[in-house]
Protein backbone atom coordinates (compact mmCIF):
# COMPACT_ATOMS: atom_id res chain seq x y z
CA MET A 1 -2.78 -13.53 15.16
CA THR A 2 -5.72 -13.55 17.38
CA ILE A 3 -8.54 -12.01 15.44
CA LYS A 4 -11.53 -11.46 17.57
CA THR A 5 -14.12 -10.91 14.73
CA PRO A 6 -14.08 -14.37 12.74
CA ILE A 7 -16.95 -14.01 10.33
CA ARG A 8 -16.46 -10.59 9.29
CA SER A 9 -12.71 -11.39 9.23
CA GLY A 10 -12.95 -14.99 7.30
CA TYR A 11 -15.15 -12.71 4.68
CA VAL A 12 -12.79 -10.56 3.98
CA GLY A 13 -9.58 -12.93 4.01
CA LEU A 14 -11.29 -14.76 1.33
CA LEU A 15 -12.25 -11.42 -0.55
CA ILE A 16 -8.66 -10.37 -0.10
CA ILE A 17 -7.58 -13.71 -1.67
CA ALA A 18 -9.84 -13.31 -4.34
CA LEU A 19 -8.95 -9.70 -6.09
CA LEU A 20 -5.60 -9.86 -5.16
CA VAL A 21 -4.80 -13.28 -7.11
CA ALA A 22 -7.07 -12.12 -9.48
CA ALA A 23 -5.40 -8.68 -10.80
CA CYS A 24 -2.71 -9.18 -13.02
CA GLY A 25 -1.09 -6.26 -15.31
CA GLY A 26 2.19 -6.03 -13.11
CA GLU A 27 3.74 -9.83 -11.44
CA GLY A 28 6.52 -8.04 -9.83
CA ASP A 29 8.62 -7.02 -12.71
CA ASP A 30 9.13 -3.26 -11.57
CA GLN A 31 12.61 -2.81 -10.70
CA PHE A 32 12.80 0.28 -10.35
CA GLU A 33 15.08 1.11 -7.23
CA PRO A 34 15.55 4.71 -5.25
CA THR A 35 19.88 4.82 -6.36
CA GLN A 36 18.69 4.89 -10.14
CA THR A 37 16.68 6.95 -12.05
CA PRO A 38 13.38 5.30 -13.62
CA ASP A 39 14.20 4.81 -17.51
CA GLN A 40 17.51 2.77 -15.83
CA GLU A 41 17.19 -0.69 -15.52
CA THR A 42 20.30 -1.63 -13.41
CA SER A 43 19.52 -2.18 -9.94
CA THR A 44 22.20 -1.31 -7.36
CA THR A 45 20.09 -2.32 -4.18
CA PRO A 46 20.42 -5.83 -1.84
CA SER A 47 19.44 -9.13 -4.16
CA ASP A 48 16.37 -9.68 -5.34
CA THR A 49 14.87 -12.00 -2.45
CA SER A 50 12.08 -13.03 -4.12
CA SER A 51 13.23 -16.54 -4.05
CA ASN A 52 13.45 -18.88 -0.59
CA PRO A 53 13.13 -15.93 2.50
CA ALA A 54 15.63 -18.15 4.32
CA ASP A 55 18.32 -17.23 1.70
CA GLY A 56 21.75 -16.61 3.35
CA GLU A 57 20.88 -18.79 6.16
CA SER A 58 24.13 -20.71 7.90
CA ASP A 59 24.01 -24.19 6.48
CA ASP A 60 26.14 -24.74 9.53
CA PRO A 61 23.81 -25.64 12.56
CA ALA A 62 26.36 -24.91 15.18
CA ALA A 63 26.88 -21.22 13.65
CA ALA A 64 23.42 -20.79 13.44
CA ALA A 65 22.77 -21.58 17.01
CA GLY A 66 25.91 -19.30 17.80
CA ASP A 67 24.37 -16.83 16.04
CA GLU A 68 20.67 -16.90 17.88
CA MET A 69 23.12 -14.95 21.12
CA THR A 70 24.51 -12.28 18.64
CA LEU A 71 23.20 -9.29 18.53
CA PRO A 72 24.51 -6.67 15.39
CA GLY A 73 21.79 -4.08 16.22
CA ARG A 74 23.54 -3.58 20.02
CA GLY A 75 23.96 0.08 20.97
CA VAL A 76 22.47 1.14 17.31
CA SER A 77 19.34 3.76 17.51
CA VAL A 78 17.15 3.65 14.91
CA THR A 79 14.44 5.92 13.85
CA VAL A 80 11.30 4.61 12.07
CA ALA A 81 8.80 6.43 10.44
CA ARG A 82 4.99 4.79 9.26
CA GLY A 83 2.47 6.06 6.25
CA ASN A 84 -0.36 8.02 7.73
CA TRP A 85 -2.86 5.29 6.99
CA SER A 86 -3.81 2.77 9.39
CA THR A 87 -3.73 0.10 7.19
CA GLY A 88 -0.31 -0.11 7.21
CA TYR A 89 0.27 0.33 11.09
CA MET A 90 0.93 -3.48 11.70
CA GLN A 91 3.93 -3.77 8.95
CA ALA A 92 5.86 -1.18 10.46
CA ALA A 93 5.37 -2.64 13.89
CA ILE A 94 6.38 -6.10 13.01
CA TYR A 95 9.46 -4.52 11.38
CA ALA A 96 10.03 -2.54 14.56
CA ALA A 97 10.20 -5.86 16.33
CA LEU A 98 12.05 -7.45 14.72
CA LEU A 99 15.14 -5.22 14.37
CA THR A 100 14.64 -5.08 18.47
CA GLU A 101 14.93 -8.82 18.51
CA LEU A 102 18.64 -8.08 16.36
CA GLY A 103 19.33 -5.88 19.58
CA TYR A 104 19.01 -2.22 17.71
CA GLU A 105 17.25 0.39 20.09
CA VAL A 106 13.84 1.02 17.40
CA SER A 107 11.62 4.05 17.89
CA ARG A 108 7.80 3.80 18.05
CA PRO A 109 6.53 4.22 14.47
CA ALA A 110 3.49 5.71 15.44
CA ASP A 111 6.19 8.83 16.99
CA LEU A 112 6.68 9.65 13.31
CA GLU A 113 4.08 9.30 10.75
CA LEU A 114 4.11 11.09 7.08
CA PRO A 115 1.93 11.04 3.98
CA PRO A 116 4.67 9.99 1.05
CA SER A 117 4.95 13.26 -0.29
CA ASN A 118 6.97 14.45 3.05
CA ALA A 119 8.43 10.80 3.90
CA TYR A 120 10.85 9.99 0.84
CA VAL A 121 12.40 13.40 1.07
CA ALA A 122 12.83 13.48 5.05
CA MET A 123 14.14 9.85 4.54
CA ALA A 124 17.02 11.07 1.76
CA ARG A 125 17.96 14.19 4.27
CA GLY A 126 19.05 11.14 7.21
CA GLU A 127 15.65 12.54 9.49
CA PHE A 128 15.07 8.70 9.61
CA ASP A 129 16.16 5.19 8.57
CA PHE A 130 13.66 3.69 6.74
CA TRP A 131 9.65 2.65 6.54
CA ALA A 132 7.89 0.02 5.45
CA ASN A 133 5.05 1.51 3.70
CA SER A 134 6.31 2.33 0.10
CA TRP A 135 4.03 1.07 -2.45
CA PHE A 136 5.51 1.25 -5.99
CA PRO A 137 5.22 2.12 -8.86
CA ASN A 138 2.59 4.70 -7.39
CA HIS A 139 5.50 6.28 -5.08
CA LYS A 140 7.93 6.63 -7.78
CA GLN A 141 6.93 10.20 -8.41
CA PHE A 142 8.55 11.12 -5.01
CA LEU A 143 11.76 10.04 -6.01
CA VAL A 144 12.54 11.95 -8.63
CA ALA A 145 12.34 15.19 -6.96
CA GLU A 146 15.78 17.36 -6.26
CA MET A 147 17.04 17.63 -3.20
CA GLN A 148 18.74 21.24 -2.41
CA ASP A 149 22.08 20.19 -3.03
CA GLY A 150 21.17 19.42 -6.55
CA THR A 151 20.89 15.02 -6.29
CA LEU A 152 18.28 13.74 -6.69
CA VAL A 153 15.95 11.70 -3.68
CA ALA A 154 16.64 8.33 -5.01
CA GLU A 155 20.06 9.03 -4.87
CA HIS A 156 19.48 8.83 -1.03
CA LEU A 157 17.56 5.47 -0.57
CA SER A 158 17.61 2.20 -1.49
CA VAL A 159 14.41 -0.30 -1.92
CA LEU A 160 14.76 -3.85 -0.86
CA GLY A 161 12.40 -7.01 -0.29
CA TRP A 162 9.40 -8.39 -1.50
CA GLU A 163 7.49 -7.32 1.45
CA MET A 164 4.20 -7.60 -0.41
CA ARG A 165 4.69 -8.30 -4.22
CA THR A 166 1.91 -7.09 -6.39
CA GLY A 167 0.29 -6.89 -2.97
CA GLY A 168 -1.79 -3.84 -3.46
CA LEU A 169 -4.65 -3.38 -5.11
CA GLN A 170 -6.41 -0.26 -5.64
CA GLY A 171 -9.09 2.10 -8.01
CA VAL A 172 -12.12 4.07 -7.38
CA LEU A 173 -15.52 2.25 -6.35
CA THR A 174 -18.99 3.02 -7.00
CA ASN A 175 -22.65 1.44 -6.20
CA LYS A 176 -23.15 -1.94 -7.63
CA SER A 177 -26.98 -1.12 -8.47
CA LEU A 178 -26.23 2.44 -10.13
CA VAL A 179 -24.18 -0.01 -12.91
CA ASP A 180 -26.48 -2.94 -12.78
CA ASP A 181 -29.35 -0.56 -13.75
CA TYR A 182 -27.71 1.85 -16.37
CA GLY A 183 -25.50 -0.60 -17.61
CA ILE A 184 -21.96 1.44 -16.50
CA GLU A 185 -18.89 0.03 -17.72
CA THR A 186 -16.54 2.98 -17.03
CA LEU A 187 -15.73 6.44 -15.42
CA ASP A 188 -15.90 8.22 -18.43
CA GLN A 189 -19.23 7.17 -19.06
CA ILE A 190 -20.90 9.03 -16.07
CA VAL A 191 -18.84 11.79 -16.29
CA ASN A 192 -19.98 12.30 -20.31
CA ASP A 193 -23.46 10.78 -20.17
CA PRO A 194 -25.37 14.14 -18.78
CA ASP A 195 -28.22 11.63 -17.24
CA LEU A 196 -25.63 9.91 -15.14
CA PHE A 197 -23.88 12.91 -14.63
CA ALA A 198 -27.09 14.48 -12.81
CA ILE A 199 -27.34 11.49 -10.69
CA TYR A 200 -24.16 11.49 -9.20
CA ASP A 201 -24.09 15.34 -9.18
CA GLY A 202 -27.38 15.40 -7.11
CA GLY A 203 -25.98 13.15 -4.65
CA ASP A 204 -22.82 14.62 -3.64
CA THR A 205 -22.13 16.77 -0.96
CA THR A 206 -22.67 19.89 -3.01
CA PRO A 207 -25.81 18.61 -5.35
CA ASP A 208 -27.08 19.81 -8.42
CA ASP A 209 -23.98 22.49 -8.61
CA GLY A 210 -22.56 20.82 -11.65
CA VAL A 211 -19.43 19.90 -10.08
CA LEU A 212 -18.54 15.60 -9.95
CA GLN A 213 -17.06 14.74 -6.30
CA LEU A 214 -14.95 12.33 -6.74
CA LEU A 215 -14.22 10.99 -3.31
CA GLY A 216 -10.28 10.72 -3.88
CA CYS A 217 -7.52 10.98 -1.57
CA PRO A 218 -5.78 13.19 0.45
CA GLU A 219 -3.45 15.66 -0.13
CA GLY A 220 0.27 14.56 -0.06
CA TRP A 221 -0.34 10.65 -1.13
CA GLY A 222 0.67 9.50 -4.86
CA CYS A 223 -3.19 8.32 -5.95
CA HIS A 224 -3.97 12.37 -4.65
CA ILE A 225 -1.57 13.30 -7.95
CA THR A 226 -2.73 10.22 -10.07
CA ILE A 227 -6.24 11.07 -10.15
CA ASN A 228 -5.60 14.94 -10.59
CA ALA A 229 -3.86 13.73 -13.74
CA TRP A 230 -6.67 11.50 -14.90
CA ILE A 231 -8.82 14.66 -14.38
CA GLU A 232 -6.48 16.90 -16.32
CA ASN A 233 -5.76 14.31 -19.01
CA ALA A 234 -9.35 13.40 -19.69
CA GLY A 235 -10.47 17.23 -19.97
CA TRP A 236 -12.76 16.91 -17.40
CA THR A 237 -13.54 20.28 -16.33
CA ALA A 238 -16.85 19.36 -14.04
CA VAL A 239 -15.05 16.89 -12.10
CA ASP A 240 -12.96 17.68 -8.22
CA GLN A 241 -11.33 15.33 -6.18
CA LEU A 242 -12.78 16.46 -2.85
CA LYS A 243 -10.04 17.79 -0.75
CA VAL A 244 -10.17 16.69 3.36
CA GLY A 245 -7.78 16.28 5.28
CA SER A 246 -8.35 12.43 6.23
CA TYR A 247 -9.16 9.45 4.24
CA ASP A 248 -11.17 7.85 7.04
CA VAL A 249 -13.75 10.67 6.56
CA LEU A 250 -13.39 10.20 2.37
CA ILE A 251 -14.47 6.59 3.30
CA ALA A 252 -17.06 7.13 5.98
CA GLU A 253 -18.66 9.86 3.11
CA ALA A 254 -19.19 6.65 0.65
CA VAL A 255 -20.20 4.12 2.99
CA SER A 256 -22.83 6.37 4.43
CA ARG A 257 -24.00 6.81 1.01
CA ASP A 258 -24.29 3.59 0.48
CA SER A 259 -26.08 3.08 3.00
CA ALA A 260 -28.40 5.71 2.16
CA GLY A 261 -28.84 4.45 -1.60
CA VAL A 262 -26.85 7.59 -2.95
CA PRO A 263 -24.19 7.72 -5.52
CA TYR A 264 -20.74 7.93 -4.73
CA ILE A 265 -17.58 7.28 -6.15
CA VAL A 266 -14.22 6.65 -3.43
CA TYR A 267 -10.65 5.55 -4.24
CA SER A 268 -9.86 2.57 -2.00
CA TRP A 269 -7.34 -0.02 -1.81
CA ALA A 270 -6.59 -3.77 -0.62
CA PRO A 271 -5.49 -4.88 2.30
CA SER A 272 -7.65 -3.13 3.79
CA SER A 273 -10.51 -3.16 6.12
CA TYR A 274 -12.44 -0.71 3.58
CA VAL A 275 -13.19 -3.61 1.16
CA ALA A 276 -15.63 -5.51 4.01
CA ASP A 277 -18.04 -2.25 4.19
CA LEU A 278 -17.81 -1.09 0.05
CA ARG A 279 -17.56 -5.05 -0.89
CA PRO A 280 -16.91 -5.63 -4.53
CA GLY A 281 -19.36 -7.56 -6.51
CA ASP A 282 -21.82 -7.64 -3.69
CA ASN A 283 -22.99 -3.74 -2.95
CA ALA A 284 -20.13 -2.33 -4.59
CA VAL A 285 -18.22 -2.49 -7.75
CA TRP A 286 -14.60 -1.09 -9.07
CA LEU A 287 -15.13 1.60 -11.96
CA SER A 288 -13.09 0.61 -14.72
CA THR A 289 -11.73 3.72 -17.09
CA SER A 290 -10.70 4.02 -20.67
CA ASP A 291 -7.43 4.19 -22.44
CA GLN A 292 -8.65 6.96 -23.69
CA SER A 293 -8.44 9.08 -19.73
CA ILE A 294 -5.69 6.87 -18.47
CA SER A 295 -2.73 6.98 -20.60
CA PRO A 296 -0.66 3.66 -21.33
CA SER A 297 2.38 5.54 -19.65
CA GLN A 298 0.33 5.43 -16.20
CA VAL A 299 -1.17 2.18 -16.45
CA GLU A 300 0.75 -1.00 -18.67
CA GLY A 301 -2.48 -3.54 -18.14
CA ALA A 302 -5.88 -4.35 -16.83
CA ALA A 303 -6.90 -6.37 -14.21
CA SER A 304 -9.01 -9.40 -14.74
CA LEU A 305 -11.24 -9.72 -11.77
CA GLY A 306 -13.91 -12.05 -10.76
CA GLU A 307 -17.40 -11.95 -11.84
CA GLY A 308 -19.19 -8.88 -11.06
CA GLN A 309 -16.58 -7.00 -9.28
CA CYS A 310 -15.76 -4.82 -11.56
CA SER A 311 -17.99 -2.47 -14.27
CA ALA A 312 -15.78 -3.73 -17.10
CA ASP A 313 -13.81 -7.41 -18.01
CA PRO A 314 -10.98 -6.55 -18.14
CA CYS A 315 -11.26 -3.77 -15.54
CA ASN A 316 -8.62 -0.60 -16.44
CA LEU A 317 -8.66 0.42 -12.52
CA GLY A 318 -5.84 3.16 -13.20
CA TRP A 319 -3.09 1.59 -11.25
CA ASP A 320 -0.83 -1.54 -11.70
CA ALA A 321 -0.78 -3.71 -8.89
CA ALA A 322 1.35 -2.51 -6.27
CA ASP A 323 4.39 -3.76 -4.44
CA ILE A 324 4.15 -3.34 -1.11
CA ARG A 325 8.26 -2.83 0.05
CA VAL A 326 10.79 -1.61 2.38
CA THR A 327 12.88 1.81 1.41
CA ALA A 328 15.91 2.99 3.80
CA ASN A 329 18.27 5.58 4.09
CA ASN A 330 21.50 4.45 1.96
CA ASP A 331 23.95 5.51 4.55
CA PHE A 332 21.81 3.56 7.40
CA LEU A 333 22.38 0.27 5.37
CA ALA A 334 26.15 0.42 4.40
CA ALA A 335 26.54 0.60 8.17
CA ASN A 336 24.03 -1.85 9.45
CA PRO A 337 24.27 -5.19 7.00
CA ALA A 338 22.07 -6.76 9.48
CA ALA A 339 19.45 -4.58 9.00
CA ALA A 340 19.40 -4.96 5.25
CA ARG A 341 19.64 -8.50 5.12
CA LEU A 342 16.27 -8.75 7.21
CA PHE A 343 14.95 -6.01 4.77
CA GLU A 344 15.40 -8.40 2.11
CA LEU A 345 13.68 -11.49 3.36
CA VAL A 346 10.73 -10.01 4.90
CA VAL A 347 6.85 -11.20 3.21
CA ILE A 348 3.88 -10.63 4.97
CA SER A 349 0.50 -12.13 3.21
CA PRO A 350 -1.89 -9.75 2.43
CA VAL A 351 -4.48 -11.41 3.77
CA ASP A 352 -2.92 -11.67 7.34
CA VAL A 353 -2.34 -7.87 6.98
CA ALA A 354 -6.31 -7.21 5.90
CA LEU A 355 -7.62 -9.47 8.62
CA GLN A 356 -5.34 -7.09 11.13
CA ASN A 357 -7.31 -3.91 9.42
CA VAL A 358 -11.19 -5.82 10.11
CA ALA A 359 -9.94 -6.09 13.79
CA TYR A 360 -8.60 -2.34 13.64
CA SER A 361 -11.66 -0.94 12.22
CA LEU A 362 -13.63 -2.96 14.69
CA GLY A 363 -12.21 -1.48 17.83
CA GLU A 364 -8.91 -2.58 17.99
CA ASP A 365 -7.19 0.20 17.27
CA THR A 366 -5.12 1.54 19.93
CA GLU A 367 -0.91 1.25 19.87
CA GLN A 368 -0.81 -1.36 22.25
CA ASP A 369 -3.55 -3.21 20.22
CA ILE A 370 -1.26 -2.51 16.76
CA ASP A 371 2.00 -3.86 18.76
CA ARG A 372 -0.20 -6.78 20.19
CA HIS A 373 -1.44 -7.84 16.05
CA ALA A 374 2.53 -7.94 15.57
CA ALA A 375 3.65 -9.55 18.02
CA ASP A 376 0.71 -12.29 17.29
CA TRP A 377 1.96 -12.31 13.71
CA LEU A 378 5.82 -12.97 14.84
CA SER A 379 4.44 -15.67 16.86
CA VAL A 380 2.36 -17.84 14.37
CA ASN A 381 5.28 -17.30 11.68
CA ARG A 382 8.16 -17.95 14.51
CA ASP A 383 9.76 -20.54 12.21
CA THR A 384 10.27 -18.41 9.23
CA VAL A 385 10.71 -15.46 11.36
CA ASP A 386 13.92 -17.13 13.15
CA ARG A 387 15.35 -17.79 9.75
CA TRP A 388 15.26 -14.43 8.74
CA LEU A 389 17.02 -13.46 12.19
CA THR A 390 19.36 -15.83 11.67
CA ALA A 391 20.63 -14.64 8.02
CA ALA A 392 20.20 -11.28 9.48
CA ARG A 393 22.99 -11.70 12.00
CA ASN A 394 24.86 -14.22 9.62
CA ALA A 395 25.27 -10.50 7.58
CA GLY A 396 26.11 -8.77 10.69
């Protein structure tokens, strides 16, 4: 993939590697599939694809060569959606391009951009066929919603493949200088210590009003619901999750405060370009939470991050490392085994995504740029991509 910002991109790539390799508390063992309710363990989705991505490829070279001309998607229209966060745009474009190579007529991902609170219901209704922006377990809560006919959303959908196993790290960041100066270890400490509370309250958008503003998530995202659950579970009556329409506005507010030396607490995640501006271990740290605030049902384990990256070690981020995966409509999958097999096989490096996110944040942010980023990624990984496509053709 061609990136025009090698210094910053390289830094973020190394940072993402350090963050994601160090993160524990989830090793891809969460086998929840939308065709099951969360308390069931039997998977009804296509086979686990955490093994060799070329599994399913024909051993017969002649058959494989013949499949190169096979287009199992010829004449089939596919509607794809993407999440309403820019760090997932390239992944959606990659899947759209791959399906196109199989002969499918694929809609532009930008034509249907949705928050997860709407996406899963719409997908279950058949309003679109798939997306590549599922974050589990964060998105589980949207799958147990009831449809108008009394069925669950989960009964109409399947999760496939391991696009980025434990590839999503998320939590809240704050100023490293304040953590160092005041010995801050947890978010609870800030909320419960009158002096620390006053410092943070004095720096928010409504200073000194007795309410600590947390720069969280837009409404409709799973993290918005999770943070509200923190606040309720901990009994933080003087903490409010700031509500704005765009996450980019929230992160820009945090970056602005950081530049001015003003306190902030902001939700963020990796892979993303955001950790190039608020850099854990440099000008920012992940802020740990206490077990009393975040219930064990929300988080199964802490993360052990690099030295200085979190306010505590081990670090309770409030979320387990997320699996980023494809979710698709069951009727579409049944009618399109080639697409189903492709979804099982595709794996994307979180570092590649982070590098693209940096390029996007520095101005390569048009739909043409995103398509080019996806095309570059496919070109660099062409040998592996061709094996996936051959296996998909064989399945179709």
